[in-house]
Amino acid sequence: MGEEVKCGIVRDFAELPDRTLIDEPTLAGILGCSERTVQNMVARFDLPPPLDVAGRKRWFVGRLVLWLTSRAEREEQTAERKAERMGARS
């Protein structure tokens, strides 16, 4: 199921132009979570801060893609370093 969700997120983002602005309910729908979870993710720096447009929180799709890609790369590097350290201990 997790893989289906990841593919759905990538597909949903890939279908939108980079300069598309999406609001919090739309982002929550794409991520498959609640608006409160999106707010918590922003507070934890798991998502970039939104723009305030007419009193509503909005994100550029391109910025979200870059942010999430960067985080994924860092997570991958961290996992590789941990694996190397574990291999060195054996």
C-alpha atoms as a PDB file:
ATOM      1  CA  MET A   1       0.000   0.000   0.000  1.00  0.00           C
ATOM      2  CA  GLY A   2       2.826   2.440   0.870  1.00  0.00           C
ATOM      3  CA  GLU A   3       4.280   2.141  -2.624  1.00  0.00           C
ATOM      4  CA  GLU A   4       0.880   2.924  -4.172  1.00  0.00           C
ATOM      5  CA  VAL A   5       0.648   6.095  -2.073  1.00  0.00           C
ATOM      6  CA  LYS A   6       4.148   7.218  -3.080  1.00  0.00           C
ATOM      7  CA  CYS A   7       3.398   6.650  -6.756  1.00  0.00           C
ATOM      8  CA  GLY A   8       0.128   8.543  -6.410  1.00  0.00           C
ATOM      9  CA  ILE A   9       1.867  11.540  -4.836  1.00  0.00           C
ATOM     10  CA  VAL A  10       4.512  11.648  -7.546  1.00  0.00           C
ATOM     11  CA  ARG A  11       1.887  11.298 -10.271  1.00  0.00           C
ATOM     12  CA  ASP A  12      -0.325  14.002  -8.732  1.00  0.00           C
ATOM     13  CA  PHE A  13       2.561  16.462  -8.475  1.00  0.00           C
ATOM     14  CA  ALA A  14       3.934  15.559 -11.909  1.00  0.00           C
ATOM     15  CA  GLU A  15       0.631  16.463 -13.532  1.00  0.00           C
ATOM     16  CA  LEU A  16       0.762  20.047 -12.229  1.00  0.00           C
ATOM     17  CA  PRO A  17       2.935  22.873 -13.616  1.00  0.00           C
ATOM     18  CA  ASP A  18       5.678  24.083 -11.226  1.00  0.00           C
ATOM     19  CA  ARG A  19       4.085  27.528 -10.852  1.00  0.00           C
ATOM     20  CA  THR A  20       0.714  26.118  -9.820  1.00  0.00           C
ATOM     21  CA  LEU A  21      -0.386  27.312  -6.391  1.00  0.00           C
ATOM     22  CA  ILE A  22      -2.176  24.741  -4.260  1.00  0.00           C
ATOM     23  CA  ASP A  23      -3.936  25.346  -0.970  1.00  0.00           C
ATOM     24  CA  GLU A  24      -3.757  23.393   2.258  1.00  0.00           C
ATOM     25  CA  PRO A  25      -6.791  21.145   1.607  1.00  0.00           C
ATOM     26  CA  THR A  26      -5.414  20.237  -1.833  1.00  0.00           C
ATOM     27  CA  LEU A  27      -1.947  19.492  -0.446  1.00  0.00           C
ATOM     28  CA  ALA A  28      -3.484  17.369   2.303  1.00  0.00           C
ATOM     29  CA  GLY A  29      -5.456  15.459  -0.332  1.00  0.00           C
ATOM     30  CA  ILE A  30      -2.368  14.857  -2.475  1.00  0.00           C
ATOM     31  CA  LEU A  31      -0.374  13.673   0.546  1.00  0.00           C
ATOM     32  CA  GLY A  32      -3.283  11.570   1.789  1.00  0.00           C
ATOM     33  CA  CYS A  33      -3.421  13.226   5.210  1.00  0.00           C
ATOM     34  CA  SER A  34      -5.425  15.805   7.117  1.00  0.00           C
ATOM     35  CA  GLU A  35      -4.921  19.562   6.994  1.00  0.00           C
ATOM     36  CA  ARG A  36      -3.767  19.381  10.622  1.00  0.00           C
ATOM     37  CA  THR A  37      -1.062  16.912   9.590  1.00  0.00           C
ATOM     38  CA  VAL A  38       0.089  19.353   6.899  1.00  0.00           C
ATOM     39  CA  GLN A  39       0.272  22.078   9.569  1.00  0.00           C
ATOM     40  CA  ASN A  40       2.287  19.754  11.822  1.00  0.00           C
ATOM     41  CA  MET A  41       4.624  18.894   8.942  1.00  0.00           C
ATOM     42  CA  VAL A  42       5.271  22.598   8.331  1.00  0.00           C
ATOM     43  CA  ALA A  43       5.936  23.107  12.060  1.00  0.00           C
ATOM     44  CA  ARG A  44       8.449  20.204  12.009  1.00  0.00           C
ATOM     45  CA  PHE A  45      10.054  21.538   8.792  1.00  0.00           C
ATOM     46  CA  ASP A  46       8.928  18.419   6.901  1.00  0.00           C
ATOM     47  CA  LEU A  47       7.332  20.806   4.389  1.00  0.00           C
ATOM     48  CA  PRO A  48       8.358  24.316   3.370  1.00  0.00           C
ATOM     49  CA  PRO A  49       6.415  27.195   4.884  1.00  0.00           C
ATOM     50  CA  PRO A  50       3.403  28.292   2.850  1.00  0.00           C
ATOM     51  CA  LEU A  51       2.827  31.633   1.190  1.00  0.00           C
ATOM     52  CA  ASP A  52       0.021  33.731   2.575  1.00  0.00           C
ATOM     53  CA  VAL A  53      -2.180  34.613  -0.389  1.00  0.00           C
ATOM     54  CA  ALA A  54      -5.400  36.445   0.458  1.00  0.00           C
ATOM     55  CA  GLY A  55      -5.313  35.022   3.967  1.00  0.00           C
ATOM     56  CA  ARG A  56      -4.965  31.416   2.797  1.00  0.00           C
ATOM     57  CA  LYS A  57      -1.934  29.154   2.912  1.00  0.00           C
ATOM     58  CA  ARG A  58      -0.632  28.187  -0.521  1.00  0.00           C
ATOM     59  CA  TRP A  59       2.412  26.433  -1.960  1.00  0.00           C
ATOM     60  CA  PHE A  60       4.009  26.415  -5.399  1.00  0.00           C
ATOM     61  CA  VAL A  61       4.039  22.827  -6.655  1.00  0.00           C
ATOM     62  CA  GLY A  62       7.594  23.207  -7.991  1.00  0.00           C
ATOM     63  CA  ARG A  63       8.850  24.322  -4.587  1.00  0.00           C
ATOM     64  CA  LEU A  64       7.192  21.357  -2.897  1.00  0.00           C
ATOM     65  CA  VAL A  65       8.743  18.954  -5.396  1.00  0.00           C
ATOM     66  CA  LEU A  66      12.217  20.448  -4.857  1.00  0.00           C
ATOM     67  CA  TRP A  67      11.801  20.410  -1.085  1.00  0.00           C
ATOM     68  CA  LEU A  68      10.574  16.815  -0.966  1.00  0.00           C
ATOM     69  CA  THR A  69      13.253  15.654  -3.428  1.00  0.00           C
ATOM     70  CA  SER A  70      15.963  17.301  -1.344  1.00  0.00           C
ATOM     71  CA  ARG A  71      14.656  15.690   1.842  1.00  0.00           C
ATOM     72  CA  ALA A  72      14.461  12.294   0.162  1.00  0.00           C
ATOM     73  CA  GLU A  73      18.074  12.599  -1.009  1.00  0.00           C
ATOM     74  CA  ARG A  74      19.234  13.541   2.502  1.00  0.00           C
ATOM     75  CA  GLU A  75      17.331  10.597   3.987  1.00  0.00           C
ATOM     76  CA  GLU A  76      18.917   8.279   1.434  1.00  0.00           C
ATOM     77  CA  GLN A  77      22.413   9.579   2.240  1.00  0.00           C
ATOM     78  CA  THR A  78      21.768   9.148   5.958  1.00  0.00           C
ATOM     79  CA  ALA A  79      20.612   5.570   5.418  1.00  0.00           C
ATOM     80  CA  GLU A  80      23.717   4.816   3.320  1.00  0.00           C
ATOM     81  CA  ARG A  81      26.022   6.217   6.025  1.00  0.00           C
ATOM     82  CA  LYS A  82      24.255   4.129   8.684  1.00  0.00           C
ATOM     83  CA  ALA A  83      24.591   1.022   6.515  1.00  0.00           C
ATOM     84  CA  GLU A  84      28.304   1.725   6.011  1.00  0.00           C
ATOM     85  CA  ARG A  85      28.829   2.137   9.764  1.00  0.00           C
ATOM     86  CA  MET A  86      26.937  -1.075  10.455  1.00  0.00           C
ATOM     87  CA  GLY A  87      29.063  -2.879   7.869  1.00  0.00           C
ATOM     88  CA  ALA A  88      32.246  -1.529   9.439  1.00  0.00           C
ATOM     89  CA  ARG A  89      31.196  -2.926  12.836  1.00  0.00           C
ATOM     90  CA  SER A  90      30.687  -6.428  11.524  1.00  0.00           C
END
